[in-house]
N, C-alpha and C. Protein backbone atom coordinates (compact mmCIF):
# COMPACT_ATOMS: atom_id res chain seq x y z
N MET A 1 0.77 -1.09 0.11
CA MET A 1 0.00 -0.03 -0.04
C MET A 1 0.98 1.25 -0.02
N THR A 2 0.45 2.23 -0.85
CA THR A 2 1.26 3.55 -0.92
C THR A 2 0.32 4.52 -0.17
N ILE A 3 0.89 5.58 0.43
CA ILE A 3 0.29 6.67 1.09
C ILE A 3 1.12 7.77 0.45
N ASP A 4 0.53 8.60 -0.52
CA ASP A 4 1.41 9.75 -1.06
C ASP A 4 0.73 11.06 -0.59
N SER A 5 1.30 11.98 -0.12
CA SER A 5 0.89 13.21 0.63
C SER A 5 0.91 14.14 -0.44
N ILE A 6 -0.38 14.90 -0.51
CA ILE A 6 -0.41 16.36 -1.28
C ILE A 6 -0.74 17.50 -0.32
N VAL A 7 0.13 18.28 -0.14
CA VAL A 7 -0.21 19.52 0.75
C VAL A 7 -0.58 20.60 -0.18
N ASP A 8 -1.62 21.17 0.06
CA ASP A 8 -2.19 22.35 -0.72
C ASP A 8 -2.05 23.77 -0.04
N SER A 9 -2.16 24.76 -0.62
CA SER A 9 -1.91 26.14 -0.20
C SER A 9 -2.73 26.51 0.91
N TRP A 10 -3.91 25.77 1.20
CA TRP A 10 -4.73 26.27 2.31
C TRP A 10 -4.35 25.66 3.66
N GLY A 11 -3.22 24.67 3.58
CA GLY A 11 -2.87 24.10 4.82
C GLY A 11 -3.40 22.76 5.09
N ARG A 12 -4.39 22.27 4.13
CA ARG A 12 -5.02 21.05 4.39
C ARG A 12 -3.92 19.72 3.77
N ARG A 13 -3.96 18.93 4.59
CA ARG A 13 -2.97 17.77 4.08
C ARG A 13 -4.05 16.68 3.60
N ASP A 14 -3.77 16.14 2.25
CA ASP A 14 -4.43 15.24 1.79
C ASP A 14 -3.48 14.03 1.56
N ALA A 15 -4.09 12.65 1.73
CA ALA A 15 -2.95 11.64 1.61
C ALA A 15 -3.89 10.89 0.42
N VAL A 16 -3.36 10.70 -0.66
CA VAL A 16 -3.77 9.98 -1.80
C VAL A 16 -3.40 8.55 -1.62
N THR A 17 -4.29 7.64 -1.24
CA THR A 17 -4.11 6.38 -0.72
C THR A 17 -4.51 5.36 -2.04
N SER A 18 -3.56 4.62 -2.43
CA SER A 18 -3.64 3.68 -3.32
C SER A 18 -4.18 2.28 -2.68
N ILE A 19 -5.21 1.89 -3.23
CA ILE A 19 -5.84 0.56 -2.42
C ILE A 19 -4.89 -0.49 -2.79
N PRO A 20 -4.58 -1.44 -1.90
CA PRO A 20 -3.71 -2.41 -2.37
C PRO A 20 -3.93 -3.41 -3.45
N GLU A 21 -3.14 -3.85 -4.23
CA GLU A 21 -3.36 -5.02 -5.18
C GLU A 21 -3.85 -6.33 -4.53
N PRO A 22 -4.58 -7.18 -5.19
CA PRO A 22 -5.03 -8.20 -4.47
C PRO A 22 -3.99 -9.03 -3.70
N ARG A 23 -2.76 -9.07 -3.99
CA ARG A 23 -1.85 -9.84 -3.26
C ARG A 23 -1.62 -9.10 -1.78
N ASP A 24 -2.00 -7.87 -1.66
CA ASP A 24 -1.78 -7.14 -0.31
C ASP A 24 -3.13 -6.60 0.09
N PRO A 25 -4.24 -7.36 0.32
CA PRO A 25 -5.48 -6.63 0.34
C PRO A 25 -5.59 -6.02 1.65
N ILE A 26 -6.71 -4.93 1.86
CA ILE A 26 -7.02 -4.44 2.88
C ILE A 26 -7.86 -5.39 3.82
N PRO A 27 -7.50 -5.50 5.08
CA PRO A 27 -8.26 -6.42 5.85
C PRO A 27 -9.88 -6.22 5.90
N GLU A 28 -10.47 -7.22 5.83
CA GLU A 28 -11.96 -7.19 6.05
C GLU A 28 -12.38 -6.27 7.17
N THR A 29 -11.86 -6.56 8.24
CA THR A 29 -12.17 -5.77 9.50
C THR A 29 -11.14 -4.58 9.54
N LEU A 30 -11.77 -3.69 10.65
CA LEU A 30 -11.03 -2.36 10.73
C LEU A 30 -10.12 -2.36 11.92
N ASP A 31 -9.61 -3.57 12.36
CA ASP A 31 -8.86 -3.58 13.58
C ASP A 31 -7.46 -3.15 13.10
N PRO A 32 -6.87 -2.36 14.17
CA PRO A 32 -5.48 -1.71 13.97
C PRO A 32 -4.35 -2.70 13.79
N ILE A 33 -3.52 -2.33 13.03
CA ILE A 33 -2.12 -3.02 12.86
C ILE A 33 -1.48 -3.26 13.86
N PRO A 34 -1.13 -4.35 14.35
CA PRO A 34 -0.31 -4.68 15.55
C PRO A 34 1.24 -4.14 15.47
N PHE A 35 1.75 -3.43 16.37
CA PHE A 35 3.06 -2.88 16.43
C PHE A 35 3.83 -3.48 17.49
N ALA A 36 5.01 -3.72 17.38
CA ALA A 36 5.90 -4.30 18.52
C ALA A 36 6.48 -3.02 19.14
N GLY A 37 6.38 -2.92 20.60
CA GLY A 37 6.96 -1.91 21.29
C GLY A 37 5.86 -0.74 21.31
N GLU A 38 6.26 0.30 21.91
CA GLU A 38 5.54 1.47 22.23
C GLU A 38 5.14 2.17 20.95
N VAL A 39 3.87 2.75 20.95
CA VAL A 39 3.48 3.29 19.71
C VAL A 39 3.25 4.89 20.04
N GLU A 40 3.65 5.68 19.29
CA GLU A 40 3.38 7.21 19.46
C GLU A 40 2.37 7.78 18.36
N MET A 41 1.01 8.24 18.76
CA MET A 41 0.15 8.45 17.72
C MET A 41 0.43 9.89 17.32
N ILE A 42 0.33 10.13 16.11
CA ILE A 42 0.22 11.53 15.38
C ILE A 42 -0.98 12.14 15.72
N ARG A 43 -1.10 13.17 16.40
CA ARG A 43 -2.37 13.84 17.00
C ARG A 43 -2.69 15.08 16.35
N SER A 44 -1.48 15.72 15.66
CA SER A 44 -1.60 17.07 15.21
C SER A 44 -0.74 17.49 14.03
N PHE A 45 -0.80 18.61 13.36
CA PHE A 45 0.31 18.84 12.49
C PHE A 45 1.59 19.29 12.91
N ALA A 46 1.20 19.89 14.38
CA ALA A 46 2.65 20.02 15.17
C ALA A 46 3.29 18.61 15.16
N ASP A 47 2.84 17.69 15.72
CA ASP A 47 3.29 16.32 15.55
C ASP A 47 4.20 15.85 14.26
N MET A 48 3.46 16.13 13.31
CA MET A 48 3.83 15.96 11.95
C MET A 48 5.33 16.85 11.72
N ASP A 49 5.11 18.00 12.07
CA ASP A 49 6.48 19.02 11.81
C ASP A 49 7.56 18.38 12.72
N ARG A 50 7.26 17.92 14.01
CA ARG A 50 8.37 17.58 14.78
C ARG A 50 9.12 16.55 14.24
N MET A 51 8.12 15.45 13.71
CA MET A 51 8.71 14.31 13.24
C MET A 51 9.42 14.45 11.95
N ALA A 52 9.10 15.40 11.08
CA ALA A 52 9.70 15.93 9.82
C ALA A 52 11.11 16.20 10.32
N SER A 53 11.26 17.12 11.02
CA SER A 53 12.52 17.62 11.54
C SER A 53 13.51 16.55 12.19
N GLU A 54 12.91 15.53 12.60
CA GLU A 54 13.66 14.23 13.23
C GLU A 54 14.04 13.49 11.99
N LYS A 55 13.20 13.28 11.05
CA LYS A 55 13.53 12.33 9.82
C LYS A 55 14.38 12.73 8.81
N GLY A 56 14.63 14.26 8.72
CA GLY A 56 15.43 14.64 7.65
C GLY A 56 14.60 14.97 6.64
N PRO A 57 15.39 15.79 5.48
CA PRO A 57 14.60 16.00 4.30
C PRO A 57 14.07 14.88 3.53
N LYS A 58 12.82 15.27 2.84
CA LYS A 58 12.21 14.41 1.87
C LYS A 58 12.27 15.12 0.48
N ARG A 59 12.23 14.29 -0.44
CA ARG A 59 12.11 14.94 -1.88
C ARG A 59 10.71 15.44 -2.01
N LEU A 60 10.59 16.58 -2.41
CA LEU A 60 9.32 17.27 -2.76
C LEU A 60 9.12 17.85 -4.02
N VAL A 61 8.25 17.18 -4.78
CA VAL A 61 8.03 18.12 -6.17
C VAL A 61 6.75 18.91 -5.93
N VAL A 62 7.10 20.16 -6.33
CA VAL A 62 6.03 21.30 -6.05
C VAL A 62 5.49 21.61 -7.40
N LEU A 63 4.06 21.46 -7.41
CA LEU A 63 3.44 21.63 -8.77
C LEU A 63 2.78 23.03 -8.67
N ALA A 64 3.59 23.79 -9.61
CA ALA A 64 3.05 25.26 -9.96
C ALA A 64 3.13 26.15 -8.52
N PRO A 65 4.20 26.36 -8.00
CA PRO A 65 4.43 27.11 -6.80
C PRO A 65 4.46 28.65 -7.43
N GLU A 66 3.34 29.20 -7.86
CA GLU A 66 3.13 30.27 -8.38
C GLU A 66 2.21 31.52 -7.78
N ASP A 67 2.20 31.25 -6.41
CA ASP A 67 1.56 32.42 -5.61
C ASP A 67 2.58 32.54 -4.22
N GLU A 68 2.46 33.73 -3.81
CA GLU A 68 3.47 34.16 -2.66
C GLU A 68 3.48 33.19 -1.41
N GLU A 69 2.16 32.84 -0.90
CA GLU A 69 1.94 32.14 0.16
C GLU A 69 2.52 30.70 0.09
N PHE A 70 2.42 30.10 -1.02
CA PHE A 70 2.79 28.82 -1.27
C PHE A 70 4.24 28.72 -1.47
N MET A 71 4.89 29.78 -2.20
CA MET A 71 6.31 29.74 -2.34
C MET A 71 7.08 30.15 -1.07
N MET A 72 6.52 30.77 -0.16
CA MET A 72 6.86 31.00 1.15
C MET A 72 7.02 29.82 2.04
N ALA A 73 5.92 28.86 1.83
CA ALA A 73 5.82 27.76 2.58
C ALA A 73 6.87 26.79 2.01
N VAL A 74 7.21 26.73 0.66
CA VAL A 74 8.33 25.83 0.11
C VAL A 74 9.46 26.39 0.72
N ARG A 75 9.92 27.52 0.65
CA ARG A 75 11.01 28.30 1.32
C ARG A 75 11.27 27.84 2.84
N LYS A 76 10.32 27.87 3.55
CA LYS A 76 10.36 27.49 4.98
C LYS A 76 10.56 25.97 5.14
N SER A 77 9.88 25.21 4.41
CA SER A 77 10.08 23.74 4.61
C SER A 77 11.58 23.45 4.23
N ALA A 78 12.22 24.05 3.36
CA ALA A 78 13.51 23.71 2.79
C ALA A 78 14.43 24.21 3.90
N GLU A 79 14.29 25.27 4.33
CA GLU A 79 15.16 25.91 5.24
C GLU A 79 15.05 25.07 6.65
N ALA A 80 13.86 24.64 7.06
CA ALA A 80 13.74 23.84 8.25
C ALA A 80 14.31 22.40 8.03
N GLY A 81 14.74 22.05 6.81
CA GLY A 81 15.31 20.87 6.51
C GLY A 81 14.34 19.70 6.48
N TYR A 82 12.89 20.15 6.10
CA TYR A 82 11.92 19.13 5.92
C TYR A 82 11.95 18.44 4.42
N THR A 83 12.36 19.49 3.59
CA THR A 83 12.39 18.96 2.06
C THR A 83 13.35 19.46 1.24
N ARG A 84 13.61 18.62 0.04
CA ARG A 84 14.59 19.05 -1.00
C ARG A 84 13.62 19.24 -2.20
N PRO A 85 13.30 20.63 -2.35
CA PRO A 85 12.14 20.77 -3.35
C PRO A 85 12.56 20.64 -4.89
N ILE A 86 11.75 20.28 -5.75
CA ILE A 86 11.63 20.31 -7.17
C ILE A 86 10.76 21.04 -7.54
N LEU A 87 10.80 21.99 -8.25
CA LEU A 87 9.92 23.20 -8.61
C LEU A 87 9.42 22.95 -10.11
N ILE A 88 8.21 22.81 -10.37
CA ILE A 88 7.66 22.63 -11.63
C ILE A 88 6.58 23.76 -11.91
N GLY A 89 6.73 24.62 -12.97
CA GLY A 89 6.07 25.70 -13.33
C GLY A 89 6.50 26.79 -14.23
N ASP A 90 5.67 27.76 -14.30
CA ASP A 90 6.01 28.98 -15.02
C ASP A 90 7.42 29.66 -14.62
N ARG A 91 8.34 29.71 -15.46
CA ARG A 91 9.70 30.17 -15.03
C ARG A 91 9.60 31.59 -14.55
N GLU A 92 8.99 32.55 -15.40
CA GLU A 92 8.95 33.96 -14.92
C GLU A 92 8.17 34.07 -13.54
N LYS A 93 7.09 33.36 -13.39
CA LYS A 93 6.34 33.60 -12.18
C LYS A 93 6.95 32.89 -10.98
N MET A 94 7.66 31.69 -11.07
CA MET A 94 8.52 31.21 -10.00
C MET A 94 9.43 32.11 -9.64
N GLU A 95 10.27 32.58 -10.56
CA GLU A 95 11.47 33.39 -10.21
C GLU A 95 11.06 34.87 -9.46
N ARG A 96 9.90 35.36 -10.03
CA ARG A 96 9.36 36.65 -9.62
C ARG A 96 8.91 36.31 -8.05
N LEU A 97 8.27 35.41 -7.93
CA LEU A 97 7.77 34.92 -6.24
C LEU A 97 8.93 34.69 -5.45
N ALA A 98 9.87 33.78 -5.85
CA ALA A 98 10.96 33.55 -5.16
C ALA A 98 11.70 34.84 -4.62
N ASP A 99 11.91 35.84 -5.54
CA ASP A 99 12.46 36.98 -5.22
C ASP A 99 11.53 37.73 -4.12
N GLN A 100 10.19 37.59 -4.43
CA GLN A 100 9.47 38.37 -3.21
C GLN A 100 9.44 37.79 -2.06
N VAL A 101 9.65 36.59 -1.82
CA VAL A 101 9.74 35.95 -0.48
C VAL A 101 11.26 35.66 0.01
N HIS A 102 12.00 36.21 -0.88
CA HIS A 102 13.59 36.28 -0.35
C HIS A 102 13.99 34.65 -0.26
N TYR A 103 13.71 34.02 -1.45
CA TYR A 103 14.13 32.51 -1.34
C TYR A 103 14.76 32.25 -2.64
N ASP A 104 16.24 32.01 -2.38
CA ASP A 104 17.06 31.64 -3.38
C ASP A 104 16.89 30.32 -4.01
N ILE A 105 16.33 30.28 -5.23
CA ILE A 105 16.15 28.94 -5.74
C ILE A 105 17.12 28.56 -6.99
N SER A 106 18.26 29.19 -6.82
CA SER A 106 19.34 28.95 -7.75
C SER A 106 19.88 27.58 -7.72
N GLY A 107 19.81 26.95 -6.62
CA GLY A 107 20.33 25.74 -6.22
C GLY A 107 19.39 24.62 -6.28
N ALA A 108 18.08 25.05 -6.45
CA ALA A 108 16.98 24.03 -6.41
C ALA A 108 16.75 23.48 -7.88
N GLU A 109 16.30 22.31 -8.12
CA GLU A 109 16.10 21.58 -9.32
C GLU A 109 14.70 22.23 -9.75
N LYS A 110 14.71 22.79 -11.12
CA LYS A 110 13.41 23.21 -11.80
C LYS A 110 13.33 22.64 -13.12
N ILE A 111 11.94 22.60 -13.43
CA ILE A 111 11.37 22.07 -14.63
C ILE A 111 10.35 23.27 -15.07
N TYR A 112 10.62 23.73 -16.20
CA TYR A 112 9.79 24.88 -16.63
C TYR A 112 8.82 24.29 -17.42
N GLU A 113 7.48 24.64 -17.07
CA GLU A 113 6.33 24.23 -17.85
C GLU A 113 5.17 25.13 -17.42
N LYS A 114 4.26 25.50 -18.54
CA LYS A 114 3.17 26.31 -18.20
C LYS A 114 1.86 25.60 -18.29
N ASN A 115 1.63 24.43 -19.00
CA ASN A 115 0.36 23.88 -18.96
C ASN A 115 0.03 23.10 -17.71
N ARG A 116 -1.04 23.38 -17.27
CA ARG A 116 -1.51 22.88 -15.93
C ARG A 116 -1.57 21.44 -15.91
N GLN A 117 -2.16 20.68 -17.00
CA GLN A 117 -2.21 19.16 -16.83
C GLN A 117 -0.79 18.60 -17.08
N ALA A 118 -0.11 19.21 -17.92
CA ALA A 118 1.46 18.75 -18.23
C ALA A 118 2.12 18.71 -16.85
N ILE A 119 2.04 19.80 -16.02
CA ILE A 119 2.64 19.88 -14.64
C ILE A 119 2.21 18.91 -13.62
N ALA A 120 0.84 18.62 -13.71
CA ALA A 120 0.25 17.64 -12.78
C ALA A 120 0.79 16.28 -13.22
N ASP A 121 0.77 16.07 -14.57
CA ASP A 121 1.06 14.63 -14.98
C ASP A 121 2.64 14.36 -14.71
N LEU A 122 3.50 15.35 -14.97
CA LEU A 122 4.74 15.08 -14.65
C LEU A 122 5.10 14.87 -13.04
N GLY A 123 4.48 15.94 -12.11
CA GLY A 123 4.66 15.61 -10.85
C GLY A 123 4.11 14.42 -10.25
N ILE A 124 3.17 13.91 -10.70
CA ILE A 124 2.40 12.79 -10.10
C ILE A 124 3.11 11.74 -10.65
N ASN A 125 3.50 11.40 -11.84
CA ASN A 125 4.39 10.45 -12.30
C ASN A 125 5.68 10.29 -11.55
N MET A 126 6.26 11.33 -11.16
CA MET A 126 7.59 11.36 -10.26
C MET A 126 7.20 10.76 -8.90
N LEU A 127 6.00 10.91 -8.58
CA LEU A 127 5.58 10.45 -7.22
C LEU A 127 5.35 9.04 -7.12
N PHE A 128 4.72 8.64 -8.10
CA PHE A 128 4.29 7.17 -8.44
C PHE A 128 5.54 6.23 -8.59
N SER A 129 6.63 6.75 -9.41
CA SER A 129 7.42 6.16 -9.86
C SER A 129 8.62 6.14 -8.56
N GLY A 130 8.35 6.87 -7.48
CA GLY A 130 9.40 6.78 -6.53
C GLY A 130 10.45 7.75 -6.59
N GLU A 131 10.48 8.58 -7.73
CA GLU A 131 11.46 9.55 -7.82
C GLU A 131 11.55 10.83 -6.73
N VAL A 132 10.39 11.05 -6.28
CA VAL A 132 10.05 11.82 -5.03
C VAL A 132 9.26 11.21 -4.04
N ASP A 133 9.33 11.82 -2.81
CA ASP A 133 8.35 11.24 -1.78
C ASP A 133 7.25 12.11 -1.67
N ILE A 134 7.07 13.39 -1.77
CA ILE A 134 5.90 14.14 -1.61
C ILE A 134 5.52 14.99 -2.72
N ALA A 135 4.30 15.20 -3.25
CA ALA A 135 3.89 16.05 -3.99
C ALA A 135 3.12 17.16 -3.43
N GLY A 136 3.54 18.41 -3.89
CA GLY A 136 2.87 19.68 -3.04
C GLY A 136 2.23 20.45 -4.16
N LYS A 137 0.86 20.72 -3.74
CA LYS A 137 -0.02 21.25 -4.68
C LYS A 137 0.06 22.92 -4.51
N GLY A 138 0.29 23.40 -5.51
CA GLY A 138 0.43 24.98 -5.67
C GLY A 138 -0.89 25.58 -6.13
N GLN A 139 -0.42 26.56 -7.18
CA GLN A 139 -1.48 27.35 -7.83
C GLN A 139 -2.04 26.46 -9.11
N ILE A 140 -2.81 25.40 -8.83
CA ILE A 140 -3.27 24.57 -9.86
C ILE A 140 -4.56 23.86 -9.35
N PRO A 141 -5.33 23.93 -10.13
CA PRO A 141 -6.74 23.18 -9.73
C PRO A 141 -6.65 21.81 -9.40
N THR A 142 -7.27 21.37 -8.30
CA THR A 142 -7.07 19.99 -7.86
C THR A 142 -7.68 18.95 -8.87
N ALA A 143 -8.47 19.31 -9.75
CA ALA A 143 -8.98 18.55 -10.94
C ALA A 143 -7.91 18.01 -11.61
N TYR A 144 -6.86 18.82 -11.95
CA TYR A 144 -5.64 18.31 -12.75
C TYR A 144 -4.85 17.09 -11.99
N ILE A 145 -4.78 17.42 -10.73
CA ILE A 145 -3.97 16.49 -9.83
C ILE A 145 -4.72 15.14 -9.83
N TYR A 146 -6.14 15.23 -9.68
CA TYR A 146 -6.83 13.90 -9.49
C TYR A 146 -6.75 13.08 -10.84
N ARG A 147 -6.74 13.87 -11.87
CA ARG A 147 -6.87 13.24 -13.25
C ARG A 147 -5.48 12.51 -13.41
N ALA A 148 -4.53 13.36 -13.01
CA ALA A 148 -3.08 12.56 -13.15
C ALA A 148 -3.21 11.25 -12.41
N ILE A 149 -3.72 11.44 -11.13
CA ILE A 149 -3.43 10.24 -10.12
C ILE A 149 -4.36 8.97 -10.82
N ILE A 150 -5.47 9.31 -11.25
CA ILE A 150 -6.26 8.48 -12.02
C ILE A 150 -5.78 7.64 -13.04
N ARG A 151 -4.86 8.50 -13.79
CA ARG A 151 -4.16 7.90 -15.00
C ARG A 151 -3.12 7.05 -14.57
N GLU A 152 -2.48 7.22 -13.52
CA GLU A 152 -1.49 6.43 -13.01
C GLU A 152 -1.97 5.31 -12.23
N GLU A 153 -3.07 5.39 -11.59
CA GLU A 153 -3.81 4.26 -10.90
C GLU A 153 -4.28 3.29 -12.14
N SER A 154 -4.76 3.86 -13.15
CA SER A 154 -5.34 2.82 -14.26
C SER A 154 -4.44 2.01 -14.79
N LYS A 155 -3.13 2.38 -14.63
CA LYS A 155 -1.99 1.21 -14.99
C LYS A 155 -1.99 -0.14 -14.39
N VAL A 156 -2.71 0.04 -13.15
CA VAL A 156 -2.65 -1.22 -12.37
C VAL A 156 -4.06 -1.74 -12.13
N ALA A 157 -4.60 -2.94 -12.68
CA ALA A 157 -5.83 -3.16 -12.65
C ALA A 157 -6.43 -3.48 -11.29
N GLY A 158 -7.43 -3.38 -10.83
CA GLY A 158 -8.29 -3.71 -9.73
C GLY A 158 -8.08 -2.71 -8.51
N LYS A 159 -7.50 -1.71 -8.87
CA LYS A 159 -7.28 -0.69 -7.61
C LYS A 159 -8.38 0.35 -7.79
N VAL A 160 -8.66 1.12 -6.47
CA VAL A 160 -9.62 2.11 -6.46
C VAL A 160 -8.88 3.24 -5.67
N VAL A 161 -8.95 4.43 -6.36
CA VAL A 161 -8.26 5.64 -5.85
C VAL A 161 -9.20 6.06 -4.56
N SER A 162 -8.45 6.45 -3.49
CA SER A 162 -9.17 6.95 -2.19
C SER A 162 -8.36 8.08 -1.87
N VAL A 163 -8.97 9.17 -1.49
CA VAL A 163 -8.29 10.49 -1.06
C VAL A 163 -8.63 10.60 0.24
N VAL A 164 -7.80 10.71 1.29
CA VAL A 164 -7.98 10.99 2.61
C VAL A 164 -7.53 12.27 2.97
N SER A 165 -8.51 13.15 3.39
CA SER A 165 -7.94 14.40 3.80
C SER A 165 -7.93 14.52 5.27
N LEU A 166 -6.74 15.15 5.87
CA LEU A 166 -6.56 15.20 7.53
C LEU A 166 -6.80 16.96 7.87
N TRP A 167 -7.48 17.01 8.97
CA TRP A 167 -7.78 18.29 9.27
C TRP A 167 -7.48 18.45 10.86
N ASP A 168 -6.65 19.41 11.14
CA ASP A 168 -6.23 19.81 12.51
C ASP A 168 -7.11 20.72 13.18
N ILE A 169 -8.15 20.38 13.73
CA ILE A 169 -9.21 21.27 14.13
C ILE A 169 -8.94 21.73 15.62
N GLU A 170 -8.99 23.04 15.92
CA GLU A 170 -8.66 23.70 17.04
C GLU A 170 -9.67 23.15 18.14
N GLY A 171 -9.28 22.66 19.54
CA GLY A 171 -9.87 22.25 20.29
C GLY A 171 -9.97 20.72 20.55
N LEU A 172 -9.62 19.89 19.43
CA LEU A 172 -9.63 18.73 19.44
C LEU A 172 -8.30 17.97 19.57
N GLU A 173 -8.09 17.01 20.35
CA GLU A 173 -6.81 16.39 20.56
C GLU A 173 -6.32 15.29 19.63
N HIS A 174 -6.97 15.19 18.60
CA HIS A 174 -6.69 14.33 17.50
C HIS A 174 -6.91 15.03 16.15
N LEU A 175 -6.42 14.37 14.94
CA LEU A 175 -6.59 14.74 13.51
C LEU A 175 -8.07 14.28 13.23
N THR A 176 -8.65 15.08 12.34
CA THR A 176 -10.10 14.56 11.80
C THR A 176 -9.94 14.22 10.23
N CYS A 177 -10.47 13.21 9.98
CA CYS A 177 -10.38 12.53 8.53
C CYS A 177 -11.57 12.64 7.79
N PHE A 178 -11.64 13.11 6.64
CA PHE A 178 -12.62 13.02 5.60
C PHE A 178 -12.13 12.05 4.64
N THR A 179 -12.93 11.51 3.92
CA THR A 179 -12.57 10.46 2.71
C THR A 179 -13.18 10.76 1.54
N ASP A 180 -12.83 10.80 0.43
CA ASP A 180 -13.58 10.83 -0.79
C ASP A 180 -14.63 11.74 -1.07
N THR A 181 -14.39 12.99 -0.78
CA THR A 181 -15.34 14.05 -1.00
C THR A 181 -15.42 14.49 -2.46
N GLY A 182 -16.18 13.88 -3.29
CA GLY A 182 -16.42 14.33 -4.61
C GLY A 182 -15.37 13.56 -5.51
N VAL A 183 -14.68 12.44 -4.98
CA VAL A 183 -13.93 11.66 -5.75
C VAL A 183 -14.40 10.40 -6.24
N ASN A 184 -14.83 9.59 -5.53
CA ASN A 184 -15.68 8.40 -5.86
C ASN A 184 -17.10 8.73 -6.03
N ILE A 185 -17.66 8.98 -7.02
CA ILE A 185 -19.00 9.47 -6.99
C ILE A 185 -20.11 8.50 -6.56
N THR A 186 -20.02 7.35 -7.35
CA THR A 186 -21.07 6.30 -7.24
C THR A 186 -20.59 4.95 -6.99
N PRO A 187 -19.79 4.68 -6.06
CA PRO A 187 -19.07 3.47 -5.82
C PRO A 187 -20.08 2.36 -5.51
N THR A 188 -19.92 1.05 -5.79
CA THR A 188 -20.65 0.00 -5.56
C THR A 188 -20.18 -0.43 -4.20
N THR A 189 -20.94 -1.62 -3.81
CA THR A 189 -20.82 -2.11 -2.48
C THR A 189 -19.08 -2.38 -2.13
N GLY A 190 -18.58 -3.24 -3.08
CA GLY A 190 -17.23 -3.50 -2.74
C GLY A 190 -16.35 -2.29 -2.75
N PRO A 191 -16.21 -1.38 -3.61
CA PRO A 191 -15.38 -0.32 -3.45
C PRO A 191 -15.60 0.62 -2.37
N LYS A 192 -16.89 0.57 -1.92
CA LYS A 192 -17.40 1.41 -0.78
C LYS A 192 -16.93 0.80 0.57
N ARG A 193 -16.99 -0.51 0.57
CA ARG A 193 -16.30 -1.08 1.76
C ARG A 193 -14.83 -0.89 1.93
N ARG A 194 -14.17 -0.77 0.94
CA ARG A 194 -12.86 -0.59 0.74
C ARG A 194 -12.53 0.90 1.13
N LEU A 195 -13.46 1.72 0.62
CA LEU A 195 -13.24 3.14 0.86
C LEU A 195 -13.43 3.56 2.45
N CYS A 196 -14.23 2.70 3.14
CA CYS A 196 -14.46 2.95 4.61
C CYS A 196 -13.32 2.41 5.56
N ALA A 197 -12.64 1.37 4.90
CA ALA A 197 -11.39 0.80 5.46
C ALA A 197 -10.20 1.43 5.32
N THR A 198 -10.09 2.20 4.29
CA THR A 198 -8.97 2.88 3.94
C THR A 198 -8.39 3.82 4.96
N PRO A 199 -9.39 4.74 5.46
CA PRO A 199 -8.93 5.79 6.44
C PRO A 199 -8.46 5.18 7.75
N SER A 200 -9.08 4.04 8.14
CA SER A 200 -8.85 3.37 9.45
C SER A 200 -7.33 2.65 9.20
N PHE A 201 -7.11 2.25 8.12
CA PHE A 201 -5.83 1.61 7.82
C PHE A 201 -4.74 2.52 7.72
N SER A 202 -5.14 3.82 7.19
CA SER A 202 -4.20 4.90 6.99
C SER A 202 -3.71 5.50 8.24
N PHE A 203 -4.66 5.46 9.16
CA PHE A 203 -4.38 6.01 10.60
C PHE A 203 -3.34 5.13 11.35
N THR A 204 -3.44 3.83 11.15
CA THR A 204 -2.56 2.99 11.76
C THR A 204 -1.02 3.07 11.21
N CYS A 205 -1.05 3.42 9.80
CA CYS A 205 0.19 3.77 9.44
C CYS A 205 0.69 4.92 9.73
N TRP A 206 -0.03 5.98 10.18
CA TRP A 206 0.55 7.20 10.72
C TRP A 206 1.02 7.33 12.10
N ALA A 207 0.94 6.07 12.75
CA ALA A 207 1.50 5.84 14.12
C ALA A 207 3.01 5.59 13.82
N THR A 208 3.78 5.85 14.85
CA THR A 208 5.26 5.68 14.84
C THR A 208 5.68 4.94 16.07
N ARG A 209 6.45 4.07 15.93
CA ARG A 209 7.00 3.31 17.14
C ARG A 209 8.21 4.27 17.78
N SER A 210 8.17 4.38 18.94
CA SER A 210 9.00 5.45 19.71
C SER A 210 10.26 4.61 19.88
N ARG A 211 10.15 3.30 19.97
CA ARG A 211 11.71 2.50 20.10
C ARG A 211 11.50 1.16 19.55
């Protein structure tokens, strides 16, 4: 099973979850996966930030970082040591915005492309091929991202695309999960069961052994 993160410029974090192939099926029940040793649960984005700083930089492909807020987020994640960014987008816009947020992108890998679907296709292909660890959604409509994901998933028969959104809501001591809002429009009974199991399975994957 793969869980591929997409962070959009609103601060929401989506995990695009590939339903496992038949040889690695999701369990029929929603029982947690057993871990050896103590388990530390991820309860907030602050926990994710702390763990990111401990784990070291991950390869991040940034899809159309063409607004000031998102370019600033890319700069901060790189400076904090969370990511090693690869920027895909309009050259003039990326360079102008990088200057505005005082981000030196001269040493970053850059791919110049203006077409929105081409940007999404290239970045998602890099994600699914393992060339990068994370895809970051910038100034690009989500529909292009989902289209690229569905194309990649269609290469493997028997899979169902599932999108799990995580929200860090003030006052709650845990993350809140929404799944498949507008992605799987009319699932039949089999896919619907899998879509219900995926968030539970994903949450167990977001636990980490403390030792």
